[in-house]
Protein backbone atom coordinates (compact mmCIF):
# COMPACT_ATOMS: atom_id res chain seq x y z
CA UNK A 1 -278.60 -155.72 93.89
CA UNK A 2 -275.70 -157.70 92.43
CA UNK A 3 -278.16 -160.27 91.18
CA UNK A 4 -280.05 -157.67 89.14
CA UNK A 5 -276.77 -156.58 87.58
CA UNK A 6 -276.02 -160.15 86.53
CA UNK A 7 -279.47 -160.44 84.96
CA UNK A 8 -278.86 -157.24 83.03
CA UNK A 9 -275.56 -158.56 81.67
CA UNK A 10 -277.22 -161.85 80.67
CA UNK A 11 -280.01 -160.00 78.86
CA UNK A 12 -277.45 -157.96 76.98
CA UNK A 13 -275.69 -161.14 75.84
CA UNK A 14 -278.93 -162.34 74.22
CA UNK A 15 -279.19 -159.29 71.97
CA UNK A 16 -278.88 -160.27 68.33
CA UNK A 17 -277.59 -157.27 66.39
CA UNK A 18 -278.18 -156.72 62.69
CA UNK A 19 -274.70 -157.93 61.73
CA UNK A 20 -274.84 -161.07 63.91
CA UNK A 21 -273.87 -164.27 62.08
CA UNK A 22 -276.90 -166.03 63.59
CA UNK A 23 -279.21 -164.02 61.33
CA UNK A 24 -277.55 -165.17 58.10
CA UNK A 25 -277.13 -168.69 59.45
CA UNK A 26 -280.85 -168.87 60.18
CA UNK A 27 -281.72 -167.47 56.76
CA UNK A 28 -279.42 -169.97 55.06
CA UNK A 29 -280.97 -172.82 57.07
CA UNK A 30 -284.46 -171.75 56.03
CA UNK A 31 -283.42 -171.61 52.39
CA UNK A 32 -281.66 -174.97 52.40
CA UNK A 33 -284.49 -176.75 54.20
CA UNK A 34 -287.08 -175.10 51.92
CA UNK A 35 -285.08 -176.19 48.89
CA UNK A 36 -285.11 -179.79 50.14
CA UNK A 37 -288.85 -179.57 50.84
CA UNK A 38 -289.54 -178.21 47.36
CA UNK A 39 -287.44 -181.01 45.92
CA UNK A 40 -289.58 -183.57 47.78
CA UNK A 41 -292.77 -181.98 46.51
CA UNK A 42 -293.96 -180.60 49.86
CA UNK A 43 -296.57 -177.84 49.86
CA UNK A 44 -297.14 -174.88 52.17
CA UNK A 45 -295.81 -173.80 55.54
CA UNK A 46 -292.27 -173.62 54.28
CA UNK A 47 -290.84 -170.89 56.48
CA UNK A 48 -292.29 -171.82 59.87
CA UNK A 49 -291.85 -175.56 59.29
CA UNK A 50 -288.25 -175.06 58.16
CA UNK A 51 -287.48 -172.94 61.21
CA UNK A 52 -289.06 -175.54 63.49
CA UNK A 53 -286.99 -178.31 61.89
CA UNK A 54 -283.82 -176.24 62.17
CA UNK A 55 -284.32 -175.28 65.82
CA UNK A 56 -285.44 -178.78 66.85
CA UNK A 57 -282.44 -180.60 65.36
CA UNK A 58 -279.48 -178.38 64.57
CA UNK A 59 -277.10 -181.34 64.62
CA UNK A 60 -279.27 -183.19 62.10
CA UNK A 61 -279.34 -180.05 59.96
CA UNK A 62 -275.55 -179.81 60.04
CA UNK A 63 -275.27 -183.46 59.06
CA UNK A 64 -277.79 -183.14 56.21
CA UNK A 65 -276.22 -179.94 54.86
CA UNK A 66 -272.40 -179.96 55.01
CA UNK A 67 -272.39 -176.62 53.19
CA UNK A 68 -274.85 -174.43 55.07
CA UNK A 69 -274.11 -170.80 54.28
CA UNK A 70 -275.79 -168.26 52.01
CA UNK A 71 -273.46 -169.23 49.18
CA UNK A 72 -274.70 -172.81 49.39
CA UNK A 73 -278.30 -171.61 49.44
CA UNK A 74 -277.66 -169.57 46.28
CA UNK A 75 -275.94 -172.46 44.47
CA UNK A 76 -278.06 -172.74 41.32
CA UNK A 77 -276.43 -176.00 40.22
CA UNK A 78 -277.52 -177.63 43.46
CA UNK A 79 -280.98 -176.12 43.08
CA UNK A 80 -281.36 -177.80 39.69
CA UNK A 81 -280.14 -181.11 41.13
CA UNK A 82 -282.53 -180.99 44.08
CA UNK A 83 -285.63 -179.36 42.52
CA UNK A 84 -286.52 -181.08 39.27
CA UNK A 85 -289.74 -179.15 38.56
CA UNK A 86 -289.22 -175.80 36.80
CA UNK A 87 -292.12 -174.08 38.61
CA UNK A 88 -290.75 -175.14 41.97
CA UNK A 89 -287.29 -173.86 40.99
CA UNK A 90 -288.89 -170.54 40.11
CA UNK A 91 -290.61 -170.48 43.51
CA UNK A 92 -287.26 -171.14 45.19
CA UNK A 93 -285.61 -168.33 43.25
CA UNK A 94 -288.41 -166.00 44.38
CA UNK A 95 -287.77 -167.11 47.96
CA UNK A 96 -284.04 -166.46 47.52
CA UNK A 97 -284.76 -162.93 46.31
CA UNK A 98 -287.19 -162.29 49.16
CA UNK A 99 -284.70 -163.50 51.79
CA UNK A 100 -282.01 -161.26 50.29
CA UNK A 101 -284.39 -158.29 50.60
CA UNK A 102 -285.21 -159.16 54.21
CA UNK A 103 -281.53 -159.51 55.14
CA UNK A 104 -280.71 -156.18 53.48
CA UNK A 105 -283.60 -154.53 55.35
CA UNK A 106 -282.35 -155.94 58.67
CA UNK A 107 -278.88 -154.52 58.04
CA UNK A 108 -280.10 -151.20 56.63
CA UNK A 109 -282.47 -150.59 59.56
CA UNK A 110 -280.00 -152.01 62.09
CA UNK A 111 -282.79 -154.26 63.35
CA UNK A 112 -282.00 -156.10 66.58
CA UNK A 113 -283.67 -159.13 68.11
CA UNK A 114 -283.91 -160.10 71.77
CA UNK A 115 -284.07 -163.82 71.11
CA UNK A 116 -283.92 -166.46 68.41
CA UNK A 117 -287.70 -166.79 68.73
CA UNK A 118 -288.08 -163.10 67.93
CA UNK A 119 -285.78 -163.52 64.91
CA UNK A 120 -287.79 -166.55 63.74
CA UNK A 121 -291.08 -164.68 64.12
CA UNK A 122 -289.67 -161.77 62.13
CA UNK A 123 -288.64 -164.08 59.30
CA UNK A 124 -292.03 -165.81 59.24
CA UNK A 125 -293.83 -162.45 59.14
CA UNK A 126 -291.50 -161.02 56.50
CA UNK A 127 -291.75 -164.10 54.28
CA UNK A 128 -295.46 -164.85 54.83
CA UNK A 129 -295.97 -165.10 51.07
CA UNK A 130 -294.09 -168.41 51.20
CA UNK A 131 -296.08 -169.85 54.09
C-alpha cells in the first residue's frame, strides 16, 4: 500500500503545469534550433528534428546557445545575422508568431502535460505547418 502512495507522489511530480518554466524553455529551444537550421539552409521537419536535437543533447544545446530564453529567440538582430535569406527570415518570424500563439493558448487553457514527450508531441501537432 505504501508503495502505491509513493508511485502516486512520483506521478504528481511529473505533471507539467501551464506556467511551468519547462514549457517556455522547450519553446525557446525549438525556436533557437530552428533559427540555426534556417540559417544553414535546412528544409523541412523543423519542429520534430529540433525537439529531438534538444532532448538528445541538452548540454550541447546550452553550449551552442549561451542565451536560450524567449527573449533570445525573439532577438531580431541575431535573426538577421544568422538567417541571411529574406524569405527564410520571414518564415522564422511566422514561426515566432505561431509559437507565441501556442504558448498563450497553453496558459489560457491551463493545459497540463504528463511528460516532456507529451509536451513535445503537443508542440509538433500545434506547429505542424512548420514540419
